Each structure stands twice: as structure tokens, then as C-alpha cells.
Amino acid sequence: MKIGELSKKTGVAASAIRYYEKMELLVPRRGDNGYREYPIEAVELLNLISQAKDLGLSLNEIKTVAKVLATNNPNGKLRKQLEDKMLELDNQIKVIRKFQKNIRNLLDSNCPL
């Protein structure tokens, strides 16, 4: 599929798709006309990239994970990075829950806002 169709299917801007290609997260084929041609799996990969970014992973972290997963040979370094990210996410969740509790207490106290 062409970049425009991929962009429509995923909601990811064509410029971002080109950037991901530059970062080597996506590797499209080139047709005889020179146009990028993406496989259907690119939709799932872009959705995964978007989710990972939403969860706070950097593009470099995503690239590392993608490369290791592509080799089907996960190593201890990747596992450590993912465990560290899980701890970071757990801490963020704790902070958000505490903030949520404080807001709830404020609302429950009938505090004039």
C-alpha cells in the first residue's frame, strides 16, 4: 500500500511515517516507479509504535525493542530495559492515582472552587 493509504488506516501523518522510515522502524519496498510500498503488517507496526509512544517509550527505545523482536532472539539487555520501563510506568500510575485521590477529596469536601 502507498504511504497515503497507510496514513489513513493508522491516523499517523505521512511525515511521521517517513521519519519512522528514516529511524529504520519501517522499511518499505520501492516500486519500479520509486514509490514506497508498505506491507499490510505496517498497519499493525504503526499502531504498536503509537501505543508505545503513548506509554512513554522513546523512539530509540521502540527501535531497540523492534530490532530485537525482529531477530526473534530477545536478550537480557532488552528484558532489563523493559523491566525498567515497567517500573517507571508503575511509578507514574502511583502518582496519577494519588493525584486523582487528592482531587476526589477536594471535590468531596465541597470546597468552593
PDB file of N, CA and C in Angstrom:
ATOM      1  N   MET A   1       0.839  -1.167   0.000  1.00  0.00           N
ATOM      2  CA  MET A   1       0.000   0.000   0.000  1.00  0.00           C
ATOM      3  C   MET A   1       0.889   1.236   0.000  1.00  0.00           C
ATOM      4  N   LYS A   2       0.381   2.310  -0.525  1.00  0.00           N
ATOM      5  CA  LYS A   2       1.124   3.567  -0.596  1.00  0.00           C
ATOM      6  C   LYS A   2       1.052   4.296   0.751  1.00  0.00           C
ATOM      7  N   ILE A   3       1.909   5.265   0.928  1.00  0.00           N
ATOM      8  CA  ILE A   3       2.028   5.978   2.200  1.00  0.00           C
ATOM      9  C   ILE A   3       0.727   6.692   2.581  1.00  0.00           C
ATOM     10  N   GLY A   4       0.016   7.238   1.625  1.00  0.00           N
ATOM     11  CA  GLY A   4      -1.242   7.929   1.913  1.00  0.00           C
ATOM     12  C   GLY A   4      -2.286   6.988   2.484  1.00  0.00           C
ATOM     13  N   GLU A   5      -2.392   5.806   1.906  1.00  0.00           N
ATOM     14  CA  GLU A   5      -3.349   4.816   2.395  1.00  0.00           C
ATOM     15  C   GLU A   5      -2.963   4.343   3.796  1.00  0.00           C
ATOM     16  N   LEU A   6      -1.667   4.128   4.011  1.00  0.00           N
ATOM     17  CA  LEU A   6      -1.187   3.719   5.328  1.00  0.00           C
ATOM     18  C   LEU A   6      -1.492   4.799   6.363  1.00  0.00           C
ATOM     19  N   SER A   7      -1.304   6.032   5.978  1.00  0.00           N
ATOM     20  CA  SER A   7      -1.587   7.159   6.865  1.00  0.00           C
ATOM     21  C   SER A   7      -3.068   7.190   7.240  1.00  0.00           C
ATOM     22  N   LYS A   8      -3.942   6.993   6.259  1.00  0.00           N
ATOM     23  CA  LYS A   8      -5.385   6.995   6.526  1.00  0.00           C
ATOM     24  C   LYS A   8      -5.797   5.842   7.434  1.00  0.00           C
ATOM     25  N   LYS A   9      -5.209   4.670   7.222  1.00  0.00           N
ATOM     26  CA  LYS A   9      -5.583   3.496   8.011  1.00  0.00           C
ATOM     27  C   LYS A   9      -5.120   3.592   9.456  1.00  0.00           C
ATOM     28  N   THR A  10      -4.038   4.315   9.692  1.00  0.00           N
ATOM     29  CA  THR A  10      -3.465   4.353  11.035  1.00  0.00           C
ATOM     30  C   THR A  10      -3.655   5.679  11.756  1.00  0.00           C
ATOM     31  N   GLY A  11      -3.967   6.740  11.011  1.00  0.00           N
ATOM     32  CA  GLY A  11      -4.055   8.055  11.623  1.00  0.00           C
ATOM     33  C   GLY A  11      -2.693   8.681  11.887  1.00  0.00           C
ATOM     34  N   VAL A  12      -1.639   8.070  11.367  1.00  0.00           N
ATOM     35  CA  VAL A  12      -0.279   8.584  11.521  1.00  0.00           C
ATOM     36  C   VAL A  12       0.047   9.412  10.284  1.00  0.00           C
ATOM     37  N   ALA A  13       0.520  10.620  10.497  1.00  0.00           N
ATOM     38  CA  ALA A  13       0.830  11.515   9.382  1.00  0.00           C
ATOM     39  C   ALA A  13       1.910  10.913   8.481  1.00  0.00           C
ATOM     40  N   ALA A  14       1.797  11.194   7.200  1.00  0.00           N
ATOM     41  CA  ALA A  14       2.786  10.692   6.240  1.00  0.00           C
ATOM     42  C   ALA A  14       4.195  11.157   6.609  1.00  0.00           C
ATOM     43  N   SER A  15       4.309  12.369   7.119  1.00  0.00           N
ATOM     44  CA  SER A  15       5.633  12.873   7.517  1.00  0.00           C
ATOM     45  C   SER A  15       6.207  12.043   8.669  1.00  0.00           C
ATOM     46  N   ALA A  16       5.349  11.606   9.591  1.00  0.00           N
ATOM     47  CA  ALA A  16       5.805  10.756  10.695  1.00  0.00           C
ATOM     48  C   ALA A  16       6.215   9.382  10.171  1.00  0.00           C
ATOM     49  N   ILE A  17       5.471   8.868   9.215  1.00  0.00           N
ATOM     50  CA  ILE A  17       5.808   7.568   8.624  1.00  0.00           C
ATOM     51  C   ILE A  17       7.173   7.657   7.954  1.00  0.00           C
ATOM     52  N   ARG A  18       7.426   8.752   7.222  1.00  0.00           N
ATOM     53  CA  ARG A  18       8.733   8.945   6.593  1.00  0.00           C
ATOM     54  C   ARG A  18       9.839   9.036   7.649  1.00  0.00           C
ATOM     55  N   TYR A  19       9.530   9.701   8.762  1.00  0.00           N
ATOM     56  CA  TYR A  19      10.511   9.811   9.846  1.00  0.00           C
ATOM     57  C   TYR A  19      10.807   8.435  10.440  1.00  0.00           C
ATOM     58  N   TYR A  20       9.766   7.631  10.656  1.00  0.00           N
ATOM     59  CA  TYR A  20       9.965   6.278  11.179  1.00  0.00           C
ATOM     60  C   TYR A  20      10.805   5.455  10.207  1.00  0.00           C
ATOM     61  N   GLU A  21      10.614   5.695   8.926  1.00  0.00           N
ATOM     62  CA  GLU A  21      11.437   5.015   7.926  1.00  0.00           C
ATOM     63  C   GLU A  21      12.901   5.451   8.085  1.00  0.00           C
ATOM     64  N   LYS A  22      13.119   6.740   8.263  1.00  0.00           N
ATOM     65  CA  LYS A  22      14.476   7.267   8.454  1.00  0.00           C
ATOM     66  C   LYS A  22      15.114   6.675   9.712  1.00  0.00           C
ATOM     67  N   MET A  23      14.300   6.473  10.754  1.00  0.00           N
ATOM     68  CA  MET A  23      14.778   5.873  12.011  1.00  0.00           C
ATOM     69  C   MET A  23      14.925   4.350  11.894  1.00  0.00           C
ATOM     70  N   GLU A  24      14.555   3.814  10.743  1.00  0.00           N
ATOM     71  CA  GLU A  24      14.633   2.380  10.445  1.00  0.00           C
ATOM     72  C   GLU A  24      13.647   1.549  11.263  1.00  0.00           C
ATOM     73  N   LEU A  25      12.543   2.176  11.642  1.00  0.00           N
ATOM     74  CA  LEU A  25      11.465   1.433  12.293  1.00  0.00           C
ATOM     75  C   LEU A  25      10.573   0.766  11.249  1.00  0.00           C
ATOM     76  N   LEU A  26      10.479   1.365  10.093  1.00  0.00           N
ATOM     77  CA  LEU A  26       9.732   0.830   8.955  1.00  0.00           C
ATOM     78  C   LEU A  26      10.686   0.730   7.775  1.00  0.00           C
ATOM     79  N   VAL A  27      10.545  -0.339   7.026  1.00  0.00           N
ATOM     80  CA  VAL A  27      11.370  -0.491   5.834  1.00  0.00           C
ATOM     81  C   VAL A  27      10.460  -0.864   4.663  1.00  0.00           C
ATOM     82  N   PRO A  28       9.989   0.142   3.937  1.00  0.00           N
ATOM     83  CA  PRO A  28       9.108  -0.158   2.804  1.00  0.00           C
ATOM     84  C   PRO A  28       9.914  -0.638   1.593  1.00  0.00           C
ATOM     85  N   ARG A  29       9.217  -1.324   0.729  1.00  0.00           N
ATOM     86  CA  ARG A  29       9.826  -1.666  -0.563  1.00  0.00           C
ATOM     87  C   ARG A  29       9.648  -0.456  -1.468  1.00  0.00           C
ATOM     88  N   ARG A  30      10.436  -0.394  -2.492  1.00  0.00           N
ATOM     89  CA  ARG A  30      10.286   0.649  -3.504  1.00  0.00           C
ATOM     90  C   ARG A  30       9.806  -0.013  -4.792  1.00  0.00           C
ATOM     91  N   GLY A  31       8.741   0.539  -5.331  1.00  0.00           N
ATOM     92  CA  GLY A  31       8.226   0.039  -6.596  1.00  0.00           C
ATOM     93  C   GLY A  31       9.115   0.496  -7.748  1.00  0.00           C
ATOM     94  N   ASP A  32       8.824   0.009  -8.934  1.00  0.00           N
ATOM     95  CA  ASP A  32       9.588   0.414 -10.124  1.00  0.00           C
ATOM     96  C   ASP A  32       9.495   1.916 -10.348  1.00  0.00           C
ATOM     97  N   ASN A  33       8.399   2.514  -9.875  1.00  0.00           N
ATOM     98  CA  ASN A  33       8.201   3.952 -10.031  1.00  0.00           C
ATOM     99  C   ASN A  33       8.879   4.756  -8.913  1.00  0.00           C
ATOM    100  N   GLY A  34       9.510   4.063  -7.955  1.00  0.00           N
ATOM    101  CA  GLY A  34      10.204   4.730  -6.857  1.00  0.00           C
ATOM    102  C   GLY A  34       9.330   5.023  -5.652  1.00  0.00           C
ATOM    103  N   TYR A  35       8.027   4.743  -5.760  1.00  0.00           N
ATOM    104  CA  TYR A  35       7.129   5.000  -4.647  1.00  0.00           C
ATOM    105  C   TYR A  35       7.331   3.959  -3.542  1.00  0.00           C
ATOM    106  N   ARG A  36       7.129   4.396  -2.305  1.00  0.00           N
ATOM    107  CA  ARG A  36       7.188   3.480  -1.175  1.00  0.00           C
ATOM    108  C   ARG A  36       5.967   2.561  -1.239  1.00  0.00           C
ATOM    109  N   GLU A  37       6.200   1.306  -0.950  1.00  0.00           N
ATOM    110  CA  GLU A  37       5.115   0.330  -0.885  1.00  0.00           C
ATOM    111  C   GLU A  37       5.233  -0.407   0.443  1.00  0.00           C
ATOM    112  N   TYR A  38       4.204  -0.226   1.284  1.00  0.00           N
ATOM    113  CA  TYR A  38       4.213  -0.806   2.620  1.00  0.00           C
ATOM    114  C   TYR A  38       3.368  -2.070   2.657  1.00  0.00           C
ATOM    115  N   PRO A  39       3.858  -3.097   3.363  1.00  0.00           N
ATOM    116  CA  PRO A  39       3.046  -4.311   3.515  1.00  0.00           C
ATOM    117  C   PRO A  39       1.917  -4.055   4.504  1.00  0.00           C
ATOM    118  N   ILE A  40       0.922  -4.905   4.508  1.00  0.00           N
ATOM    119  CA  ILE A  40      -0.222  -4.759   5.397  1.00  0.00           C
ATOM    120  C   ILE A  40       0.223  -4.805   6.861  1.00  0.00           C
ATOM    121  N   GLU A  41       1.318  -5.490   7.163  1.00  0.00           N
ATOM    122  CA  GLU A  41       1.823  -5.573   8.534  1.00  0.00           C
ATOM    123  C   GLU A  41       2.261  -4.208   9.074  1.00  0.00           C
ATOM    124  N   ALA A  42       2.506  -3.264   8.179  1.00  0.00           N
ATOM    125  CA  ALA A  42       2.921  -1.920   8.603  1.00  0.00           C
ATOM    126  C   ALA A  42       1.819  -1.242   9.415  1.00  0.00           C
ATOM    127  N   VAL A  43       0.564  -1.581   9.158  1.00  0.00           N
ATOM    128  CA  VAL A  43      -0.554  -1.005   9.921  1.00  0.00           C
ATOM    129  C   VAL A  43      -0.413  -1.406  11.383  1.00  0.00           C
ATOM    130  N   GLU A  44      -0.210  -2.684  11.629  1.00  0.00           N
ATOM    131  CA  GLU A  44      -0.065  -3.176  12.996  1.00  0.00           C
ATOM    132  C   GLU A  44       1.188  -2.594  13.658  1.00  0.00           C
ATOM    133  N   LEU A  45       2.270  -2.513  12.905  1.00  0.00           N
ATOM    134  CA  LEU A  45       3.507  -1.959  13.453  1.00  0.00           C
ATOM    135  C   LEU A  45       3.339  -0.498  13.838  1.00  0.00           C
ATOM    136  N   LEU A  46       2.682   0.297  12.995  1.00  0.00           N
ATOM    137  CA  LEU A  46       2.458   1.707  13.325  1.00  0.00           C
ATOM    138  C   LEU A  46       1.543   1.853  14.537  1.00  0.00           C
ATOM    139  N   ASN A  47       0.541   0.993  14.647  1.00  0.00           N
ATOM    140  CA  ASN A  47      -0.326   1.027  15.825  1.00  0.00           C
ATOM    141  C   ASN A  47       0.469   0.697  17.087  1.00  0.00           C
ATOM    142  N   LEU A  48       1.374  -0.266  16.978  1.00  0.00           N
ATOM    143  CA  LEU A  48       2.223  -0.630  18.106  1.00  0.00           C
ATOM    144  C   LEU A  48       3.156   0.520  18.479  1.00  0.00           C
ATOM    145  N   ILE A  49       3.736   1.169  17.487  1.00  0.00           N
ATOM    146  CA  ILE A  49       4.610   2.315  17.731  1.00  0.00           C
ATOM    147  C   ILE A  49       3.831   3.425  18.436  1.00  0.00           C
ATOM    148  N   SER A  50       2.627   3.702  17.961  1.00  0.00           N
ATOM    149  CA  SER A  50       1.798   4.746  18.578  1.00  0.00           C
ATOM    150  C   SER A  50       1.472   4.417  20.029  1.00  0.00           C
ATOM    151  N   GLN A  51       1.118   3.169  20.301  1.00  0.00           N
ATOM    152  CA  GLN A  51       0.815   2.758  21.665  1.00  0.00           C
ATOM    153  C   GLN A  51       2.046   2.882  22.551  1.00  0.00           C
ATOM    154  N   ALA A  52       3.184   2.454  22.040  1.00  0.00           N
ATOM    155  CA  ALA A  52       4.424   2.527  22.819  1.00  0.00           C
ATOM    156  C   ALA A  52       4.782   3.973  23.130  1.00  0.00           C
ATOM    157  N   LYS A  53       4.602   4.853  22.156  1.00  0.00           N
ATOM    158  CA  LYS A  53       4.869   6.276  22.392  1.00  0.00           C
ATOM    159  C   LYS A  53       3.910   6.833  23.434  1.00  0.00           C
ATOM    160  N   ASP A  54       2.639   6.451  23.351  1.00  0.00           N
ATOM    161  CA  ASP A  54       1.645   6.912  24.328  1.00  0.00           C
ATOM    162  C   ASP A  54       2.000   6.459  25.740  1.00  0.00           C
ATOM    163  N   LEU A  55       2.674   5.326  25.838  1.00  0.00           N
ATOM    164  CA  LEU A  55       3.055   4.796  27.148  1.00  0.00           C
ATOM    165  C   LEU A  55       4.389   5.348  27.636  1.00  0.00           C
ATOM    166  N   GLY A  56       4.988   6.219  26.844  1.00  0.00           N
ATOM    167  CA  GLY A  56       6.199   6.888  27.305  1.00  0.00           C
ATOM    168  C   GLY A  56       7.505   6.332  26.777  1.00  0.00           C
ATOM    169  N   LEU A  57       7.467   5.370  25.879  1.00  0.00           N
ATOM    170  CA  LEU A  57       8.709   4.877  25.307  1.00  0.00           C
ATOM    171  C   LEU A  57       9.213   5.861  24.260  1.00  0.00           C
ATOM    172  N   SER A  58      10.504   6.075  24.253  1.00  0.00           N
ATOM    173  CA  SER A  58      11.096   6.940  23.234  1.00  0.00           C
ATOM    174  C   SER A  58      11.219   6.155  21.926  1.00  0.00           C
ATOM    175  N   LEU A  59      11.410   6.864  20.838  1.00  0.00           N
ATOM    176  CA  LEU A  59      11.585   6.179  19.555  1.00  0.00           C
ATOM    177  C   LEU A  59      12.831   5.298  19.565  1.00  0.00           C
ATOM    178  N   ASN A  60      13.871   5.739  20.260  1.00  0.00           N
ATOM    179  CA  ASN A  60      15.074   4.900  20.351  1.00  0.00           C
ATOM    180  C   ASN A  60      14.789   3.618  21.120  1.00  0.00           C
ATOM    181  N   GLU A  61      13.992   3.706  22.186  1.00  0.00           N
ATOM    182  CA  GLU A  61      13.610   2.503  22.928  1.00  0.00           C
ATOM    183  C   GLU A  61      12.763   1.590  22.047  1.00  0.00           C
ATOM    184  N   ILE A  62      11.838   2.177  21.319  1.00  0.00           N
ATOM    185  CA  ILE A  62      10.981   1.393  20.418  1.00  0.00           C
ATOM    186  C   ILE A  62      11.828   0.721  19.349  1.00  0.00           C
ATOM    187  N   LYS A  63      12.794   1.447  18.820  1.00  0.00           N
ATOM    188  CA  LYS A  63      13.678   0.901  17.786  1.00  0.00           C
ATOM    189  C   LYS A  63      14.465  -0.296  18.329  1.00  0.00           C
ATOM    190  N   THR A  64      14.969  -0.164  19.541  1.00  0.00           N
ATOM    191  CA  THR A  64      15.725  -1.260  20.156  1.00  0.00           C
ATOM    192  C   THR A  64      14.852  -2.494  20.310  1.00  0.00           C
ATOM    193  N   VAL A  65      13.646  -2.291  20.830  1.00  0.00           N
ATOM    194  CA  VAL A  65      12.718  -3.408  21.023  1.00  0.00           C
ATOM    195  C   VAL A  65      12.373  -4.040  19.675  1.00  0.00           C
ATOM    196  N   ALA A  66      12.069  -3.213  18.688  1.00  0.00           N
ATOM    197  CA  ALA A  66      11.679  -3.724  17.366  1.00  0.00           C
ATOM    198  C   ALA A  66      12.801  -4.539  16.730  1.00  0.00           C
ATOM    199  N   LYS A  67      14.025  -4.051  16.848  1.00  0.00           N
ATOM    200  CA  LYS A  67      15.156  -4.781  16.253  1.00  0.00           C
ATOM    201  C   LYS A  67      15.353  -6.136  16.911  1.00  0.00           C
ATOM    202  N   VAL A  68      15.272  -6.167  18.223  1.00  0.00           N
ATOM    203  CA  VAL A  68      15.464  -7.433  18.922  1.00  0.00           C
ATOM    204  C   VAL A  68      14.331  -8.396  18.603  1.00  0.00           C
ATOM    205  N   LEU A  69      13.095  -7.887  18.595  1.00  0.00           N
ATOM    206  CA  LEU A  69      11.955  -8.749  18.291  1.00  0.00           C
ATOM    207  C   LEU A  69      12.010  -9.265  16.861  1.00  0.00           C
ATOM    208  N   ALA A  70      12.542  -8.458  15.947  1.00  0.00           N
ATOM    209  CA  ALA A  70      12.644  -8.874  14.547  1.00  0.00           C
ATOM    210  C   ALA A  70      13.618 -10.041  14.385  1.00  0.00           C
ATOM    211  N   THR A  71      14.581 -10.138  15.278  1.00  0.00           N
ATOM    212  CA  THR A  71      15.548 -11.237  15.193  1.00  0.00           C
ATOM    213  C   THR A  71      15.051 -12.488  15.894  1.00  0.00           C
ATOM    214  N   ASN A  72      13.922 -12.378  16.589  1.00  0.00           N
ATOM    215  CA  ASN A  72      13.374 -13.485  17.376  1.00  0.00           C
ATOM    216  C   ASN A  72      14.401 -14.024  18.366  1.00  0.00           C
ATOM    217  N   ASN A  73      15.248 -13.114  18.857  1.00  0.00           N
ATOM    218  CA  ASN A  73      16.297 -13.515  19.788  1.00  0.00           C
ATOM    219  C   ASN A  73      16.413 -12.493  20.913  1.00  0.00           C
ATOM    220  N   PRO A  74      15.358 -12.365  21.736  1.00  0.00           N
ATOM    221  CA  PRO A  74      15.425 -11.394  22.822  1.00  0.00           C
ATOM    222  C   PRO A  74      16.609 -11.668  23.731  1.00  0.00           C
ATOM    223  N   ASN A  75      17.210 -10.617  24.225  1.00  0.00           N
ATOM    224  CA  ASN A  75      18.368 -10.793  25.095  1.00  0.00           C
ATOM    225  C   ASN A  75      18.119 -10.155  26.453  1.00  0.00           C
ATOM    226  N   GLY A  76      19.056 -10.345  27.372  1.00  0.00           N
ATOM    227  CA  GLY A  76      18.919  -9.831  28.726  1.00  0.00           C
ATOM    228  C   GLY A  76      18.856  -8.322  28.785  1.00  0.00           C
ATOM    229  N   LYS A  77      19.560  -7.654  27.874  1.00  0.00           N
ATOM    230  CA  LYS A  77      19.566  -6.190  27.863  1.00  0.00           C
ATOM    231  C   LYS A  77      18.162  -5.657  27.573  1.00  0.00           C
ATOM    232  N   LEU A  78      17.500  -6.237  26.594  1.00  0.00           N
ATOM    233  CA  LEU A  78      16.136  -5.820  26.265  1.00  0.00           C
ATOM    234  C   LEU A  78      15.208  -6.078  27.438  1.00  0.00           C
ATOM    235  N   ARG A  79      15.341  -7.248  28.038  1.00  0.00           N
ATOM    236  CA  ARG A  79      14.490  -7.579  29.182  1.00  0.00           C
ATOM    237  C   ARG A  79      14.666  -6.551  30.290  1.00  0.00           C
ATOM    238  N   LYS A  80      15.903  -6.162  30.576  1.00  0.00           N
ATOM    239  CA  LYS A  80      16.193  -5.167  31.610  1.00  0.00           C
ATOM    240  C   LYS A  80      15.567  -3.824  31.253  1.00  0.00           C
ATOM    241  N   GLN A  81      15.688  -3.421  29.983  1.00  0.00           N
ATOM    242  CA  GLN A  81      15.083  -2.152  29.548  1.00  0.00           C
ATOM    243  C   GLN A  81      13.576  -2.178  29.728  1.00  0.00           C
ATOM    244  N   LEU A  82      12.952  -3.294  29.370  1.00  0.00           N
ATOM    245  CA  LEU A  82      11.501  -3.398  29.501  1.00  0.00           C
ATOM    246  C   LEU A  82      11.085  -3.452  30.977  1.00  0.00           C
ATOM    247  N   GLU A  83      11.860  -4.138  31.803  1.00  0.00           N
ATOM    248  CA  GLU A  83      11.557  -4.159  33.231  1.00  0.00           C
ATOM    249  C   GLU A  83      11.685  -2.756  33.829  1.00  0.00           C
ATOM    250  N   ASP A  84      12.724  -2.025  33.420  1.00  0.00           N
ATOM    251  CA  ASP A  84      12.897  -0.643  33.890  1.00  0.00           C
ATOM    252  C   ASP A  84      11.724   0.226  33.462  1.00  0.00           C
ATOM    253  N   LYS A  85      11.269   0.038  32.238  1.00  0.00           N
ATOM    254  CA  LYS A  85      10.129   0.814  31.742  1.00  0.00           C
ATOM    255  C   LYS A  85       8.872   0.460  32.533  1.00  0.00           C
ATOM    256  N   MET A  86       8.706  -0.811  32.863  1.00  0.00           N
ATOM    257  CA  MET A  86       7.546  -1.217  33.660  1.00  0.00           C
ATOM    258  C   MET A  86       7.580  -0.546  35.027  1.00  0.00           C
ATOM    259  N   LEU A  87       8.739  -0.487  35.658  1.00  0.00           N
ATOM    260  CA  LEU A  87       8.855   0.191  36.953  1.00  0.00           C
ATOM    261  C   LEU A  87       8.511   1.670  36.822  1.00  0.00           C
ATOM    262  N   GLU A  88       8.998   2.281  35.763  1.00  0.00           N
ATOM    263  CA  GLU A  88       8.698   3.697  35.520  1.00  0.00           C
ATOM    264  C   GLU A  88       7.197   3.907  35.346  1.00  0.00           C
ATOM    265  N   LEU A  89       6.557   3.029  34.584  1.00  0.00           N
ATOM    266  CA  LEU A  89       5.109   3.137  34.381  1.00  0.00           C
ATOM    267  C   LEU A  89       4.356   2.909  35.687  1.00  0.00           C
ATOM    268  N   ASP A  90       4.808   1.938  36.488  1.00  0.00           N
ATOM    269  CA  ASP A  90       4.170   1.701  37.792  1.00  0.00           C
ATOM    270  C   ASP A  90       4.254   2.940  38.661  1.00  0.00           C
ATOM    271  N   ASN A  91       5.393   3.602  38.663  1.00  0.00           N
ATOM    272  CA  ASN A  91       5.556   4.825  39.453  1.00  0.00           C
ATOM    273  C   ASN A  91       4.644   5.938  38.940  1.00  0.00           C
ATOM    274  N   GLN A  92       4.531   6.060  37.627  1.00  0.00           N
ATOM    275  CA  GLN A  92       3.640   7.073  37.063  1.00  0.00           C
ATOM    276  C   GLN A  92       2.195   6.793  37.440  1.00  0.00           C
ATOM    277  N   ILE A  93       1.811   5.541  37.440  1.00  0.00           N
ATOM    278  CA  ILE A  93       0.446   5.165  37.821  1.00  0.00           C
ATOM    279  C   ILE A  93       0.188   5.537  39.276  1.00  0.00           C
ATOM    280  N   LYS A  94       1.164   5.285  40.155  1.00  0.00           N
ATOM    281  CA  LYS A  94       1.013   5.646  41.569  1.00  0.00           C
ATOM    282  C   LYS A  94       0.817   7.151  41.731  1.00  0.00           C
ATOM    283  N   VAL A  95       1.595   7.939  40.998  1.00  0.00           N
ATOM    284  CA  VAL A  95       1.476   9.396  41.082  1.00  0.00           C
ATOM    285  C   VAL A  95       0.109   9.841  40.586  1.00  0.00           C
ATOM    286  N   ILE A  96      -0.340   9.275  39.497  1.00  0.00           N
ATOM    287  CA  ILE A  96      -1.649   9.638  38.942  1.00  0.00           C
ATOM    288  C   ILE A  96      -2.760   9.255  39.917  1.00  0.00           C
ATOM    289  N   ARG A  97      -2.678   8.082  40.521  1.00  0.00           N
ATOM    290  CA  ARG A  97      -3.715   7.662  41.478  1.00  0.00           C
ATOM    291  C   ARG A  97      -3.739   8.582  42.697  1.00  0.00           C
ATOM    292  N   LYS A  98      -2.569   8.984  43.166  1.00  0.00           N
ATOM    293  CA  LYS A  98      -2.511   9.904  44.301  1.00  0.00           C
ATOM    294  C   LYS A  98      -3.142  11.247  43.934  1.00  0.00           C
ATOM    295  N   PHE A  99      -2.824  11.728  42.746  1.00  0.00           N
ATOM    296  CA  PHE A  99      -3.397  12.987  42.276  1.00  0.00           C
ATOM    297  C   PHE A  99      -4.913  12.867  42.159  1.00  0.00           C
ATOM    298  N   GLN A 100      -5.358  11.757  41.618  1.00  0.00           N
ATOM    299  CA  GLN A 100      -6.791  11.501  41.478  1.00  0.00           C
ATOM    300  C   GLN A 100      -7.471  11.489  42.852  1.00  0.00           C
ATOM    301  N   LYS A 101      -6.831  10.851  43.835  1.00  0.00           N
ATOM    302  CA  LYS A 101      -7.386  10.802  45.186  1.00  0.00           C
ATOM    303  C   LYS A 101      -7.474  12.202  45.782  1.00  0.00           C
ATOM    304  N   ASN A 102      -6.442  13.013  45.570  1.00  0.00           N
ATOM    305  CA  ASN A 102      -6.460  14.384  46.086  1.00  0.00           C
ATOM    306  C   ASN A 102      -7.583  15.210  45.461  1.00  0.00           C
ATOM    307  N   ILE A 103      -7.790  15.035  44.181  1.00  0.00           N
ATOM    308  CA  ILE A 103      -8.877  15.758  43.507  1.00  0.00           C
ATOM    309  C   ILE A 103     -10.223  15.282  44.042  1.00  0.00           C
ATOM    310  N   ARG A 104     -10.357  13.970  44.196  1.00  0.00           N
ATOM    311  CA  ARG A 104     -11.618  13.424  44.716  1.00  0.00           C
ATOM    312  C   ARG A 104     -11.899  13.970  46.119  1.00  0.00           C
ATOM    313  N   ASN A 105     -10.876  14.016  46.969  1.00  0.00           N
ATOM    314  CA  ASN A 105     -11.039  14.554  48.328  1.00  0.00           C
ATOM    315  C   ASN A 105     -11.446  16.024  48.279  1.00  0.00           C
ATOM    316  N   LEU A 106     -10.842  16.765  47.387  1.00  0.00           N
ATOM    317  CA  LEU A 106     -11.179  18.183  47.229  1.00  0.00           C
ATOM    318  C   LEU A 106     -12.635  18.349  46.805  1.00  0.00           C
ATOM    319  N   LEU A 107     -13.069  17.560  45.853  1.00  0.00           N
ATOM    320  CA  LEU A 107     -14.457  17.629  45.388  1.00  0.00           C
ATOM    321  C   LEU A 107     -15.436  17.183  46.467  1.00  0.00           C
ATOM    322  N   ASP A 108     -15.062  16.130  47.217  1.00  0.00           N
ATOM    323  CA  ASP A 108     -15.937  15.613  48.278  1.00  0.00           C
ATOM    324  C   ASP A 108     -16.052  16.577  49.454  1.00  0.00           C
ATOM    325  N   SER A 109     -15.082  17.439  49.629  1.00  0.00           N
ATOM    326  CA  SER A 109     -15.101  18.350  50.782  1.00  0.00           C
ATOM    327  C   SER A 109     -15.955  19.598  50.509  1.00  0.00           C
ATOM    328  N   ASN A 110     -16.586  19.634  49.348  1.00  0.00           N
ATOM    329  CA  ASN A 110     -17.408  20.796  48.970  1.00  0.00           C
ATOM    330  C   ASN A 110     -16.612  22.102  49.006  1.00  0.00           C
ATOM    331  N   CYS A 111     -15.370  21.973  48.716  1.00  0.00           N
ATOM    332  CA  CYS A 111     -14.501  23.163  48.687  1.00  0.00           C
ATOM    333  C   CYS A 111     -14.964  24.092  47.572  1.00  0.00           C
ATOM    334  N   PRO A 112     -15.161  25.375  47.895  1.00  0.00           N
ATOM    335  CA  PRO A 112     -15.571  26.307  46.826  1.00  0.00           C
ATOM    336  C   PRO A 112     -14.426  26.489  45.829  1.00  0.00           C
ATOM    337  N   LEU A 113     -14.735  26.264  44.603  1.00  0.00           N
ATOM    338  CA  LEU A 113     -13.698  26.374  43.553  1.00  0.00           C
ATOM    339  C   LEU A 113     -13.945  27.591  42.705  1.00  0.00           C
TER     340      LEU A 113
END
